[in-house]
Amino acid sequence: MTTLPSLPRKVAVIGAGDIGCGWAALCASAGWPVTIYDSNALGLERAAVEVPRRARALVVLERATGGMVERGLHELHQGRSLLQAVKGADWVIEAITEDLTAKQWLFESVEPLIEPDALLTSSSSGVPPTQLFARCRRRDRCLVTHPLNPPELIPLVEVVPGTGTGASEVVRAQQYLRALGRMPVLLKKPAPGYVVGRIAAAVWRECIDLVVNGVVDVDDLDRAVSLGPALGWAAAGPHLTYHLAAGDGGVTLFLQRLLASFEDWWEHLATWHKLDPEQRRALTDGVQQAYSNKIEALREARDRRLSAILRALEQARTG
């Protein structure tokens, strides 16, 4: 008989930016009590509107039920202070800006305030846990749970333990995430950028290079990527995609036929590591020209497409 994981009595989200609001909306959509806190009053004002909007949008997108969302929103609160926000929380989620010094200071400040058995996780997109939690005394309950953006829609979450993270806390984090309908991917050891960030950085650098060198316009490139390899990878992942591509011969035959082509492409990939001012201007101008005055409509379209892709993948897995 499968034992159901105990759910957190309360979740505290520290940071009311896009990631923090996404975490809060996700937890609220599951009916969990959530307190969100930000040292910036304007951030909290935005969260008061954004979290309910994003949670209720999940109902429209058929990712949550109305009754559960409203139950969670009834238990959604704003923290008046850091102490009040984390008091009684079983899970404390850090979601502030990606600044190592700020994160270290926050963890050092919050650790004495949280419950003795509370799980403390960071939403960092690529900083090693040993650096993030360097000032913490109880590193056994600290680890990274890095969501993709928007967190309430994309189910993948990277779970990155530190060298001192307890095995039971890794299991608890995975249980919490699965209870939220997430798909935790456990890293065996930390790497800068983790997995998704490293791949995304490599792909984006090539996309930037193609734009700033005048090969293709921004909007055409985005269509090519989203309807090309990204769509195949969404269905199967890059390794399985190529393993299936050669039929019964699998990856062995695929490499025999196409490795030379890939090696030629790799040889010509961009190798720069920083954007010079001219590249930065070209990239900024290209993106602004492609998407000027369309952000809200494009965000809604992105969420509809993500939801449709997720439904199709779920039906394929269960069908």
C-alpha atoms as a PDB file:
ATOM      1  CA  MET A   1       0.000   0.000   0.000  1.00  0.00           C
ATOM      2  CA  THR A   2       1.433   3.380  -1.050  1.00  0.00           C
ATOM      3  CA  THR A   3       1.910   5.881   1.758  1.00  0.00           C
ATOM      4  CA  LEU A   4       0.770   9.359   0.825  1.00  0.00           C
ATOM      5  CA  PRO A   5       3.265  12.111   1.673  1.00  0.00           C
ATOM      6  CA  SER A   6       2.334  14.542   4.425  1.00  0.00           C
ATOM      7  CA  LEU A   7       1.548  17.919   2.924  1.00  0.00           C
ATOM      8  CA  PRO A   8       2.911  21.192   4.269  1.00  0.00           C
ATOM      9  CA  ARG A   9       0.643  22.943   6.742  1.00  0.00           C
ATOM     10  CA  LYS A  10       1.878  26.228   5.309  1.00  0.00           C
ATOM     11  CA  VAL A  11       4.216  27.373   2.539  1.00  0.00           C
ATOM     12  CA  ALA A  12       6.174  30.620   2.824  1.00  0.00           C
ATOM     13  CA  VAL A  13       7.373  32.222  -0.423  1.00  0.00           C
ATOM     14  CA  ILE A  14      10.020  34.904  -0.029  1.00  0.00           C
ATOM     15  CA  GLY A  15      10.188  37.124  -3.088  1.00  0.00           C
ATOM     16  CA  ALA A  16       7.220  38.451  -5.063  1.00  0.00           C
ATOM     17  CA  GLY A  17       8.685  38.581  -8.547  1.00  0.00           C
ATOM     18  CA  ASP A  18       7.587  36.357 -11.421  1.00  0.00           C
ATOM     19  CA  ILE A  19       9.015  33.182  -9.895  1.00  0.00           C
ATOM     20  CA  GLY A  20       7.689  33.899  -6.405  1.00  0.00           C
ATOM     21  CA  CYS A  21       4.224  34.737  -7.723  1.00  0.00           C
ATOM     22  CA  GLY A  22       4.310  31.560  -9.803  1.00  0.00           C
ATOM     23  CA  TRP A  23       5.206  29.417  -6.781  1.00  0.00           C
ATOM     24  CA  ALA A  24       2.468  31.081  -4.733  1.00  0.00           C
ATOM     25  CA  ALA A  25      -0.110  30.606  -7.493  1.00  0.00           C
ATOM     26  CA  LEU A  26       0.872  26.948  -7.900  1.00  0.00           C
ATOM     27  CA  CYS A  27       0.639  26.173  -4.173  1.00  0.00           C
ATOM     28  CA  ALA A  28      -2.617  28.097  -3.831  1.00  0.00           C
ATOM     29  CA  SER A  29      -4.082  26.200  -6.797  1.00  0.00           C
ATOM     30  CA  ALA A  30      -3.507  22.999  -4.814  1.00  0.00           C
ATOM     31  CA  GLY A  31      -5.424  24.466  -1.859  1.00  0.00           C
ATOM     32  CA  TRP A  32      -2.306  24.925   0.278  1.00  0.00           C
ATOM     33  CA  PRO A  33      -2.053  27.849   2.733  1.00  0.00           C
ATOM     34  CA  VAL A  34       0.561  30.288   1.413  1.00  0.00           C
ATOM     35  CA  THR A  35       2.152  33.422   2.794  1.00  0.00           C
ATOM     36  CA  ILE A  36       4.173  35.534   0.369  1.00  0.00           C
ATOM     37  CA  TYR A  37       6.655  38.143   1.516  1.00  0.00           C
ATOM     38  CA  ASP A  38       8.804  40.759  -0.163  1.00  0.00           C
ATOM     39  CA  SER A  39      10.825  43.578   1.347  1.00  0.00           C
ATOM     40  CA  ASN A  40       9.614  45.766  -1.527  1.00  0.00           C
ATOM     41  CA  ALA A  41       6.089  47.076  -0.868  1.00  0.00           C
ATOM     42  CA  LEU A  42       5.454  47.552  -4.590  1.00  0.00           C
ATOM     43  CA  GLY A  43       6.301  43.913  -5.159  1.00  0.00           C
ATOM     44  CA  LEU A  44       3.686  42.845  -2.609  1.00  0.00           C
ATOM     45  CA  GLU A  45       1.101  45.136  -4.207  1.00  0.00           C
ATOM     46  CA  ARG A  46       1.755  43.476  -7.547  1.00  0.00           C
ATOM     47  CA  ALA A  47       1.560  40.009  -5.982  1.00  0.00           C
ATOM     48  CA  ALA A  48      -1.869  40.812  -4.500  1.00  0.00           C
ATOM     49  CA  VAL A  49      -3.170  41.027  -8.074  1.00  0.00           C
ATOM     50  CA  GLU A  50      -0.819  38.700  -9.916  1.00  0.00           C
ATOM     51  CA  VAL A  51      -1.046  35.594  -7.730  1.00  0.00           C
ATOM     52  CA  PRO A  52      -4.866  35.325  -7.853  1.00  0.00           C
ATOM     53  CA  ARG A  53      -4.831  36.099 -11.579  1.00  0.00           C
ATOM     54  CA  ARG A  54      -2.304  33.356 -12.316  1.00  0.00           C
ATOM     55  CA  ALA A  55      -4.010  30.845 -10.017  1.00  0.00           C
ATOM     56  CA  ARG A  56      -7.436  31.443 -11.594  1.00  0.00           C
ATOM     57  CA  ALA A  57      -5.903  31.294 -15.083  1.00  0.00           C
ATOM     58  CA  LEU A  58      -5.013  27.670 -14.315  1.00  0.00           C
ATOM     59  CA  VAL A  59      -8.734  26.902 -14.088  1.00  0.00           C
ATOM     60  CA  VAL A  60      -9.349  28.406 -17.533  1.00  0.00           C
ATOM     61  CA  LEU A  61      -6.398  26.413 -18.856  1.00  0.00           C
ATOM     62  CA  GLU A  62      -7.788  23.236 -17.242  1.00  0.00           C
ATOM     63  CA  ARG A  63      -4.725  22.860 -15.019  1.00  0.00           C
ATOM     64  CA  ALA A  64      -6.640  23.247 -11.731  1.00  0.00           C
ATOM     65  CA  THR A  65     -10.192  23.136 -10.361  1.00  0.00           C
ATOM     66  CA  GLY A  66     -12.072  26.269  -9.379  1.00  0.00           C
ATOM     67  CA  GLY A  67     -13.025  25.064  -5.924  1.00  0.00           C
ATOM     68  CA  MET A  68      -9.464  24.133  -4.980  1.00  0.00           C
ATOM     69  CA  VAL A  69      -8.069  27.408  -6.323  1.00  0.00           C
ATOM     70  CA  GLU A  70     -10.566  29.494  -4.361  1.00  0.00           C
ATOM     71  CA  ARG A  71      -9.833  27.454  -1.246  1.00  0.00           C
ATOM     72  CA  GLY A  72      -6.133  28.183  -1.663  1.00  0.00           C
ATOM     73  CA  LEU A  73      -6.681  31.867  -2.388  1.00  0.00           C
ATOM     74  CA  HIS A  74      -8.739  32.124   0.786  1.00  0.00           C
ATOM     75  CA  GLU A  75      -5.615  30.957   2.634  1.00  0.00           C
ATOM     76  CA  LEU A  76      -3.269  33.283   0.712  1.00  0.00           C
ATOM     77  CA  HIS A  77      -1.716  35.978   2.891  1.00  0.00           C
ATOM     78  CA  GLN A  78       0.914  38.666   2.653  1.00  0.00           C
ATOM     79  CA  GLY A  79       3.672  38.606   5.241  1.00  0.00           C
ATOM     80  CA  ARG A  80       3.998  41.821   7.214  1.00  0.00           C
ATOM     81  CA  SER A  81       7.523  40.821   8.179  1.00  0.00           C
ATOM     82  CA  LEU A  82       9.965  38.029   7.430  1.00  0.00           C
ATOM     83  CA  LEU A  83       9.276  36.488  10.835  1.00  0.00           C
ATOM     84  CA  GLN A  84       5.508  36.586  10.381  1.00  0.00           C
ATOM     85  CA  ALA A  85       5.810  35.147   6.863  1.00  0.00           C
ATOM     86  CA  VAL A  86       7.817  32.051   7.809  1.00  0.00           C
ATOM     87  CA  LYS A  87       6.257  31.338  11.196  1.00  0.00           C
ATOM     88  CA  GLY A  88       4.616  27.905  11.167  1.00  0.00           C
ATOM     89  CA  ALA A  89       5.752  27.106   7.602  1.00  0.00           C
ATOM     90  CA  ASP A  90       6.843  23.554   6.788  1.00  0.00           C
ATOM     91  CA  TRP A  91       8.312  24.687   3.461  1.00  0.00           C
ATOM     92  CA  VAL A  92      10.121  27.992   2.939  1.00  0.00           C
ATOM     93  CA  ILE A  93      10.800  28.859  -0.710  1.00  0.00           C
ATOM     94  CA  GLU A  94      13.339  31.558  -1.577  1.00  0.00           C
ATOM     95  CA  ALA A  95      12.516  33.310  -4.856  1.00  0.00           C
ATOM     96  CA  ILE A  96      14.389  36.618  -4.746  1.00  0.00           C
ATOM     97  CA  THR A  97      16.603  38.037  -7.481  1.00  0.00           C
ATOM     98  CA  GLU A  98      19.517  35.915  -8.710  1.00  0.00           C
ATOM     99  CA  ASP A  99      22.138  37.653  -6.575  1.00  0.00           C
ATOM    100  CA  LEU A 100      24.395  35.361  -4.550  1.00  0.00           C
ATOM    101  CA  THR A 101      25.179  37.893  -1.820  1.00  0.00           C
ATOM    102  CA  ALA A 102      21.502  38.762  -1.356  1.00  0.00           C
ATOM    103  CA  LYS A 103      20.522  35.101  -1.225  1.00  0.00           C
ATOM    104  CA  GLN A 104      23.247  34.254   1.301  1.00  0.00           C
ATOM    105  CA  TRP A 105      22.185  37.160   3.500  1.00  0.00           C
ATOM    106  CA  LEU A 106      18.549  36.065   3.296  1.00  0.00           C
ATOM    107  CA  PHE A 107      19.295  32.458   4.250  1.00  0.00           C
ATOM    108  CA  GLU A 108      21.478  33.596   7.147  1.00  0.00           C
ATOM    109  CA  SER A 109      18.669  35.902   8.340  1.00  0.00           C
ATOM    110  CA  VAL A 110      15.796  33.476   7.880  1.00  0.00           C
ATOM    111  CA  GLU A 111      17.377  30.330   9.300  1.00  0.00           C
ATOM    112  CA  PRO A 112      16.927  31.293  12.978  1.00  0.00           C
ATOM    113  CA  LEU A 113      13.287  32.255  12.309  1.00  0.00           C
ATOM    114  CA  ILE A 114      11.966  29.088  10.679  1.00  0.00           C
ATOM    115  CA  GLU A 115      10.607  25.972  12.333  1.00  0.00           C
ATOM    116  CA  PRO A 116      13.193  23.339  13.383  1.00  0.00           C
ATOM    117  CA  ASP A 117      11.896  20.813  10.838  1.00  0.00           C
ATOM    118  CA  ALA A 118      11.112  23.271   8.028  1.00  0.00           C
ATOM    119  CA  LEU A 119      12.442  22.575   4.540  1.00  0.00           C
ATOM    120  CA  LEU A 120      14.409  25.517   3.098  1.00  0.00           C
ATOM    121  CA  THR A 121      14.749  25.642  -0.678  1.00  0.00           C
ATOM    122  CA  SER A 122      16.164  28.075  -3.205  1.00  0.00           C
ATOM    123  CA  SER A 123      14.735  28.809  -6.647  1.00  0.00           C
ATOM    124  CA  SER A 124      18.183  29.699  -7.976  1.00  0.00           C
ATOM    125  CA  SER A 125      18.637  28.957 -11.663  1.00  0.00           C
ATOM    126  CA  GLY A 126      22.248  27.874 -11.512  1.00  0.00           C
ATOM    127  CA  VAL A 127      24.233  28.724  -8.357  1.00  0.00           C
ATOM    128  CA  PRO A 128      25.707  25.678  -6.552  1.00  0.00           C
ATOM    129  CA  PRO A 129      23.976  24.907  -3.222  1.00  0.00           C
ATOM    130  CA  THR A 130      27.306  24.948  -1.370  1.00  0.00           C
ATOM    131  CA  GLN A 131      27.586  28.655  -2.208  1.00  0.00           C
ATOM    132  CA  LEU A 132      23.916  29.497  -1.652  1.00  0.00           C
ATOM    133  CA  PHE A 133      23.755  27.976   1.844  1.00  0.00           C
ATOM    134  CA  ALA A 134      27.352  28.702   2.898  1.00  0.00           C
ATOM    135  CA  ARG A 135      26.203  30.764   5.915  1.00  0.00           C
ATOM    136  CA  CYS A 136      23.578  28.292   7.142  1.00  0.00           C
ATOM    137  CA  ARG A 137      24.192  26.070  10.167  1.00  0.00           C
ATOM    138  CA  ARG A 138      21.532  23.470   9.280  1.00  0.00           C
ATOM    139  CA  ARG A 139      22.520  22.625   5.720  1.00  0.00           C
ATOM    140  CA  ASP A 140      20.921  19.202   6.034  1.00  0.00           C
ATOM    141  CA  ARG A 141      17.506  20.723   5.255  1.00  0.00           C
ATOM    142  CA  CYS A 142      18.678  23.082   2.494  1.00  0.00           C
ATOM    143  CA  LEU A 143      18.570  22.382  -1.247  1.00  0.00           C
ATOM    144  CA  VAL A 144      17.641  23.913  -4.588  1.00  0.00           C
ATOM    145  CA  THR A 145      14.265  23.374  -6.232  1.00  0.00           C
ATOM    146  CA  HIS A 146      14.626  25.301  -9.482  1.00  0.00           C
ATOM    147  CA  PRO A 147      11.367  25.757 -11.428  1.00  0.00           C
ATOM    148  CA  LEU A 148      11.042  26.777 -15.037  1.00  0.00           C
ATOM    149  CA  ASN A 149       9.129  29.955 -15.813  1.00  0.00           C
ATOM    150  CA  PRO A 150       6.163  30.156 -15.417  1.00  0.00           C
ATOM    151  CA  PRO A 151       6.355  27.783 -12.408  1.00  0.00           C
ATOM    152  CA  GLU A 152       2.607  27.253 -12.187  1.00  0.00           C
ATOM    153  CA  LEU A 153       2.498  25.891 -15.749  1.00  0.00           C
ATOM    154  CA  ILE A 154       5.741  24.102 -16.588  1.00  0.00           C
ATOM    155  CA  PRO A 155       5.949  20.935 -14.480  1.00  0.00           C
ATOM    156  CA  LEU A 156       9.716  20.350 -14.620  1.00  0.00           C
ATOM    157  CA  VAL A 157      11.640  21.278 -11.437  1.00  0.00           C
ATOM    158  CA  GLU A 158      15.359  20.653 -10.982  1.00  0.00           C
ATOM    159  CA  VAL A 159      16.211  19.296  -7.518  1.00  0.00           C
ATOM    160  CA  VAL A 160      19.813  20.016  -6.563  1.00  0.00           C
ATOM    161  CA  PRO A 161      21.016  18.841  -3.127  1.00  0.00           C
ATOM    162  CA  GLY A 162      24.147  20.231  -1.515  1.00  0.00           C
ATOM    163  CA  THR A 163      26.917  18.060  -0.106  1.00  0.00           C
ATOM    164  CA  GLY A 164      25.309  18.283   3.337  1.00  0.00           C
ATOM    165  CA  THR A 165      21.653  17.872   2.354  1.00  0.00           C
ATOM    166  CA  GLY A 166      19.955  14.991   4.163  1.00  0.00           C
ATOM    167  CA  ALA A 167      18.577  12.179   2.033  1.00  0.00           C
ATOM    168  CA  SER A 168      15.222  12.398   3.809  1.00  0.00           C
ATOM    169  CA  GLU A 169      14.951  16.101   2.940  1.00  0.00           C
ATOM    170  CA  VAL A 170      15.583  15.358  -0.721  1.00  0.00           C
ATOM    171  CA  VAL A 171      12.769  12.817  -0.607  1.00  0.00           C
ATOM    172  CA  ARG A 172      10.465  15.292   1.165  1.00  0.00           C
ATOM    173  CA  ALA A 173      11.148  17.983  -1.434  1.00  0.00           C
ATOM    174  CA  GLN A 174      10.330  15.513  -4.220  1.00  0.00           C
ATOM    175  CA  GLN A 175       7.127  14.494  -2.435  1.00  0.00           C
ATOM    176  CA  TYR A 176       5.998  18.104  -2.098  1.00  0.00           C
ATOM    177  CA  LEU A 177       6.721  18.737  -5.773  1.00  0.00           C
ATOM    178  CA  ARG A 178       4.907  15.614  -6.945  1.00  0.00           C
ATOM    179  CA  ALA A 179       1.914  16.560  -4.794  1.00  0.00           C
ATOM    180  CA  LEU A 180       1.843  19.809  -6.794  1.00  0.00           C
ATOM    181  CA  GLY A 181       1.876  17.875 -10.051  1.00  0.00           C
ATOM    182  CA  ARG A 182       5.530  18.712 -10.746  1.00  0.00           C
ATOM    183  CA  MET A 183       8.144  16.418 -12.296  1.00  0.00           C
ATOM    184  CA  PRO A 184      11.286  16.630 -10.160  1.00  0.00           C
ATOM    185  CA  VAL A 185      14.570  15.927 -11.920  1.00  0.00           C
ATOM    186  CA  LEU A 186      17.272  15.020  -9.386  1.00  0.00           C
ATOM    187  CA  LEU A 187      20.844  16.066 -10.159  1.00  0.00           C
ATOM    188  CA  LYS A 188      23.516  13.690  -8.890  1.00  0.00           C
ATOM    189  CA  LYS A 189      25.877  16.608  -8.342  1.00  0.00           C
ATOM    190  CA  PRO A 190      25.706  20.379  -8.849  1.00  0.00           C
ATOM    191  CA  ALA A 191      26.948  21.986 -12.059  1.00  0.00           C
ATOM    192  CA  PRO A 192      26.936  25.704 -12.942  1.00  0.00           C
ATOM    193  CA  GLY A 193      23.592  26.387 -14.600  1.00  0.00           C
ATOM    194  CA  TYR A 194      22.372  22.901 -13.582  1.00  0.00           C
ATOM    195  CA  VAL A 195      20.936  21.016 -16.588  1.00  0.00           C
ATOM    196  CA  VAL A 196      18.212  23.152 -18.132  1.00  0.00           C
ATOM    197  CA  GLY A 197      20.123  26.397 -17.733  1.00  0.00           C
ATOM    198  CA  ARG A 198      23.233  25.055 -19.436  1.00  0.00           C
ATOM    199  CA  ILE A 199      21.256  23.764 -22.392  1.00  0.00           C
ATOM    200  CA  ALA A 200      19.183  26.939 -22.602  1.00  0.00           C
ATOM    201  CA  ALA A 201      22.296  29.120 -22.447  1.00  0.00           C
ATOM    202  CA  ALA A 202      23.935  27.204 -25.287  1.00  0.00           C
ATOM    203  CA  VAL A 203      20.815  27.318 -27.475  1.00  0.00           C
ATOM    204  CA  TRP A 204      20.143  30.997 -26.740  1.00  0.00           C
ATOM    205  CA  ARG A 205      23.733  31.973 -27.566  1.00  0.00           C
ATOM    206  CA  GLU A 206      23.323  30.389 -30.983  1.00  0.00           C
ATOM    207  CA  CYS A 207      19.966  32.150 -31.427  1.00  0.00           C
ATOM    208  CA  ILE A 208      21.531  35.494 -30.508  1.00  0.00           C
ATOM    209  CA  ASP A 209      24.413  34.852 -32.892  1.00  0.00           C
ATOM    210  CA  LEU A 210      22.039  34.162 -35.771  1.00  0.00           C
ATOM    211  CA  VAL A 211      20.133  37.397 -35.079  1.00  0.00           C
ATOM    212  CA  VAL A 212      23.038  39.793 -34.513  1.00  0.00           C
ATOM    213  CA  ASN A 213      24.834  38.436 -37.608  1.00  0.00           C
ATOM    214  CA  GLY A 214      21.778  39.091 -39.760  1.00  0.00           C
ATOM    215  CA  VAL A 215      20.958  35.488 -40.617  1.00  0.00           C
ATOM    216  CA  VAL A 216      17.303  35.677 -39.517  1.00  0.00           C
ATOM    217  CA  ASP A 217      14.864  38.061 -37.792  1.00  0.00           C
ATOM    218  CA  VAL A 218      13.904  37.497 -34.153  1.00  0.00           C
ATOM    219  CA  ASP A 219      10.291  36.444 -34.727  1.00  0.00           C
ATOM    220  CA  ASP A 220      11.164  34.054 -37.561  1.00  0.00           C
ATOM    221  CA  LEU A 221      13.933  32.497 -35.463  1.00  0.00           C
ATOM    222  CA  ASP A 222      11.576  32.009 -32.509  1.00  0.00           C
ATOM    223  CA  ARG A 223       9.079  30.242 -34.770  1.00  0.00           C
ATOM    224  CA  ALA A 224      11.812  28.026 -36.207  1.00  0.00           C
ATOM    225  CA  VAL A 225      13.066  26.973 -32.775  1.00  0.00           C
ATOM    226  CA  SER A 226       9.631  26.421 -31.217  1.00  0.00           C
ATOM    227  CA  LEU A 227       8.388  24.342 -34.175  1.00  0.00           C
ATOM    228  CA  GLY A 228      11.692  22.608 -34.827  1.00  0.00           C
ATOM    229  CA  PRO A 229      13.954  20.825 -32.327  1.00  0.00           C
ATOM    230  CA  ALA A 230      12.182  22.240 -29.280  1.00  0.00           C
ATOM    231  CA  LEU A 231       8.906  20.576 -30.281  1.00  0.00           C
ATOM    232  CA  GLY A 232      10.612  17.230 -30.784  1.00  0.00           C
ATOM    233  CA  TRP A 233      12.475  17.573 -27.498  1.00  0.00           C
ATOM    234  CA  ALA A 234       9.251  18.426 -25.689  1.00  0.00           C
ATOM    235  CA  ALA A 235       7.823  15.138 -26.865  1.00  0.00           C
ATOM    236  CA  ALA A 236      10.810  12.905 -26.169  1.00  0.00           C
ATOM    237  CA  GLY A 237      13.938  14.769 -25.041  1.00  0.00           C
ATOM    238  CA  PRO A 238      17.030  15.244 -27.248  1.00  0.00           C
ATOM    239  CA  HIS A 239      18.679  11.860 -26.677  1.00  0.00           C
ATOM    240  CA  LEU A 240      15.494   9.848 -27.164  1.00  0.00           C
ATOM    241  CA  THR A 241      14.516  12.020 -30.142  1.00  0.00           C
ATOM    242  CA  TYR A 242      17.720  11.117 -31.971  1.00  0.00           C
ATOM    243  CA  HIS A 243      17.606   7.507 -30.772  1.00  0.00           C
ATOM    244  CA  LEU A 244      14.152   7.145 -32.362  1.00  0.00           C
ATOM    245  CA  ALA A 245      15.079   9.077 -35.491  1.00  0.00           C
ATOM    246  CA  ALA A 246      17.053   6.229 -37.088  1.00  0.00           C
ATOM    247  CA  GLY A 247      14.420   3.559 -36.575  1.00  0.00           C
ATOM    248  CA  ASP A 248      15.614   0.123 -35.478  1.00  0.00           C
ATOM    249  CA  GLY A 249      19.239   1.214 -35.808  1.00  0.00           C
ATOM    250  CA  GLY A 250      18.821   3.609 -32.904  1.00  0.00           C
ATOM    251  CA  VAL A 251      21.480   6.061 -31.819  1.00  0.00           C
ATOM    252  CA  THR A 252      24.266   3.865 -33.229  1.00  0.00           C
ATOM    253  CA  LEU A 253      22.923   4.237 -36.764  1.00  0.00           C
ATOM    254  CA  PHE A 254      22.029   7.898 -36.173  1.00  0.00           C
ATOM    255  CA  LEU A 255      25.639   8.676 -35.241  1.00  0.00           C
ATOM    256  CA  GLN A 256      26.976   6.718 -38.198  1.00  0.00           C
ATOM    257  CA  ARG A 257      24.838   8.774 -40.546  1.00  0.00           C
ATOM    258  CA  LEU A 258      24.845  12.218 -38.969  1.00  0.00           C
ATOM    259  CA  LEU A 259      27.684  12.575 -36.464  1.00  0.00           C
ATOM    260  CA  ALA A 260      29.917  14.124 -39.128  1.00  0.00           C
ATOM    261  CA  SER A 261      27.272  16.759 -39.795  1.00  0.00           C
ATOM    262  CA  PHE A 262      26.901  17.552 -36.091  1.00  0.00           C
ATOM    263  CA  GLU A 263      30.676  17.776 -35.678  1.00  0.00           C
ATOM    264  CA  ASP A 264      30.830  20.233 -38.567  1.00  0.00           C
ATOM    265  CA  TRP A 265      28.056  22.328 -36.987  1.00  0.00           C
ATOM    266  CA  TRP A 266      29.744  22.247 -33.571  1.00  0.00           C
ATOM    267  CA  GLU A 267      32.923  23.522 -35.141  1.00  0.00           C
ATOM    268  CA  HIS A 268      31.063  26.595 -36.388  1.00  0.00           C
ATOM    269  CA  LEU A 269      29.045  27.357 -33.259  1.00  0.00           C
ATOM    270  CA  ALA A 270      29.482  30.702 -31.541  1.00  0.00           C
ATOM    271  CA  THR A 271      32.282  30.792 -28.980  1.00  0.00           C
ATOM    272  CA  TRP A 272      31.866  34.261 -27.456  1.00  0.00           C
ATOM    273  CA  HIS A 273      31.021  34.494 -23.750  1.00  0.00           C
ATOM    274  CA  LYS A 274      29.961  38.144 -23.396  1.00  0.00           C
ATOM    275  CA  LEU A 275      27.772  40.423 -25.483  1.00  0.00           C
ATOM    276  CA  ASP A 276      29.666  43.442 -26.741  1.00  0.00           C
ATOM    277  CA  PRO A 277      27.747  46.773 -26.887  1.00  0.00           C
ATOM    278  CA  GLU A 278      26.996  46.429 -30.597  1.00  0.00           C
ATOM    279  CA  GLN A 279      25.632  42.885 -30.181  1.00  0.00           C
ATOM    280  CA  ARG A 280      23.540  44.019 -27.216  1.00  0.00           C
ATOM    281  CA  ARG A 281      22.023  46.874 -29.221  1.00  0.00           C
ATOM    282  CA  ALA A 282      21.293  44.593 -32.171  1.00  0.00           C
ATOM    283  CA  LEU A 283      19.612  42.028 -29.923  1.00  0.00           C
ATOM    284  CA  THR A 284      17.569  44.641 -28.039  1.00  0.00           C
ATOM    285  CA  ASP A 285      16.437  46.364 -31.241  1.00  0.00           C
ATOM    286  CA  GLY A 286      15.496  43.077 -32.864  1.00  0.00           C
ATOM    287  CA  VAL A 287      13.383  41.862 -29.932  1.00  0.00           C
ATOM    288  CA  GLN A 288      11.665  45.214 -29.409  1.00  0.00           C
ATOM    289  CA  GLN A 289      10.832  45.558 -33.097  1.00  0.00           C
ATOM    290  CA  ALA A 290       9.437  42.023 -33.238  1.00  0.00           C
ATOM    291  CA  TYR A 291       7.284  42.186 -30.119  1.00  0.00           C
ATOM    292  CA  SER A 292       6.592  45.848 -29.370  1.00  0.00           C
ATOM    293  CA  ASN A 293       3.170  46.480 -27.720  1.00  0.00           C
ATOM    294  CA  LYS A 294       2.262  42.782 -27.851  1.00  0.00           C
ATOM    295  CA  ILE A 295       3.490  41.500 -24.476  1.00  0.00           C
ATOM    296  CA  GLU A 296       0.165  40.761 -22.740  1.00  0.00           C
ATOM    297  CA  ALA A 297      -1.331  39.030 -25.762  1.00  0.00           C
ATOM    298  CA  LEU A 298       1.850  37.048 -26.331  1.00  0.00           C
ATOM    299  CA  ARG A 299       2.024  35.985 -22.681  1.00  0.00           C
ATOM    300  CA  GLU A 300      -1.561  34.697 -22.837  1.00  0.00           C
ATOM    301  CA  ALA A 301      -0.820  32.894 -26.098  1.00  0.00           C
ATOM    302  CA  ARG A 302       2.293  31.311 -24.571  1.00  0.00           C
ATOM    303  CA  ASP A 303       0.294  30.015 -21.614  1.00  0.00           C
ATOM    304  CA  ARG A 304      -2.409  28.566 -23.887  1.00  0.00           C
ATOM    305  CA  ARG A 305       0.216  26.809 -25.996  1.00  0.00           C
ATOM    306  CA  LEU A 306       2.044  25.459 -22.973  1.00  0.00           C
ATOM    307  CA  SER A 307      -1.198  24.141 -21.556  1.00  0.00           C
ATOM    308  CA  ALA A 308      -2.096  22.489 -24.872  1.00  0.00           C
ATOM    309  CA  ILE A 309       1.358  20.867 -25.118  1.00  0.00           C
ATOM    310  CA  LEU A 310       1.082  19.585 -21.552  1.00  0.00           C
ATOM    311  CA  ARG A 311      -2.370  18.117 -22.208  1.00  0.00           C
ATOM    312  CA  ALA A 312      -1.131  16.402 -25.356  1.00  0.00           C
ATOM    313  CA  LEU A 313       1.893  14.954 -23.550  1.00  0.00           C
ATOM    314  CA  GLU A 314      -0.272  13.733 -20.661  1.00  0.00           C
ATOM    315  CA  GLN A 315      -2.736  12.097 -23.040  1.00  0.00           C
ATOM    316  CA  ALA A 316       0.126  10.437 -24.914  1.00  0.00           C
ATOM    317  CA  ARG A 317       1.574   9.050 -21.677  1.00  0.00           C
ATOM    318  CA  THR A 318      -1.730   7.704 -20.419  1.00  0.00           C
ATOM    319  CA  GLY A 319      -3.405   6.817 -23.707  1.00  0.00           C
END
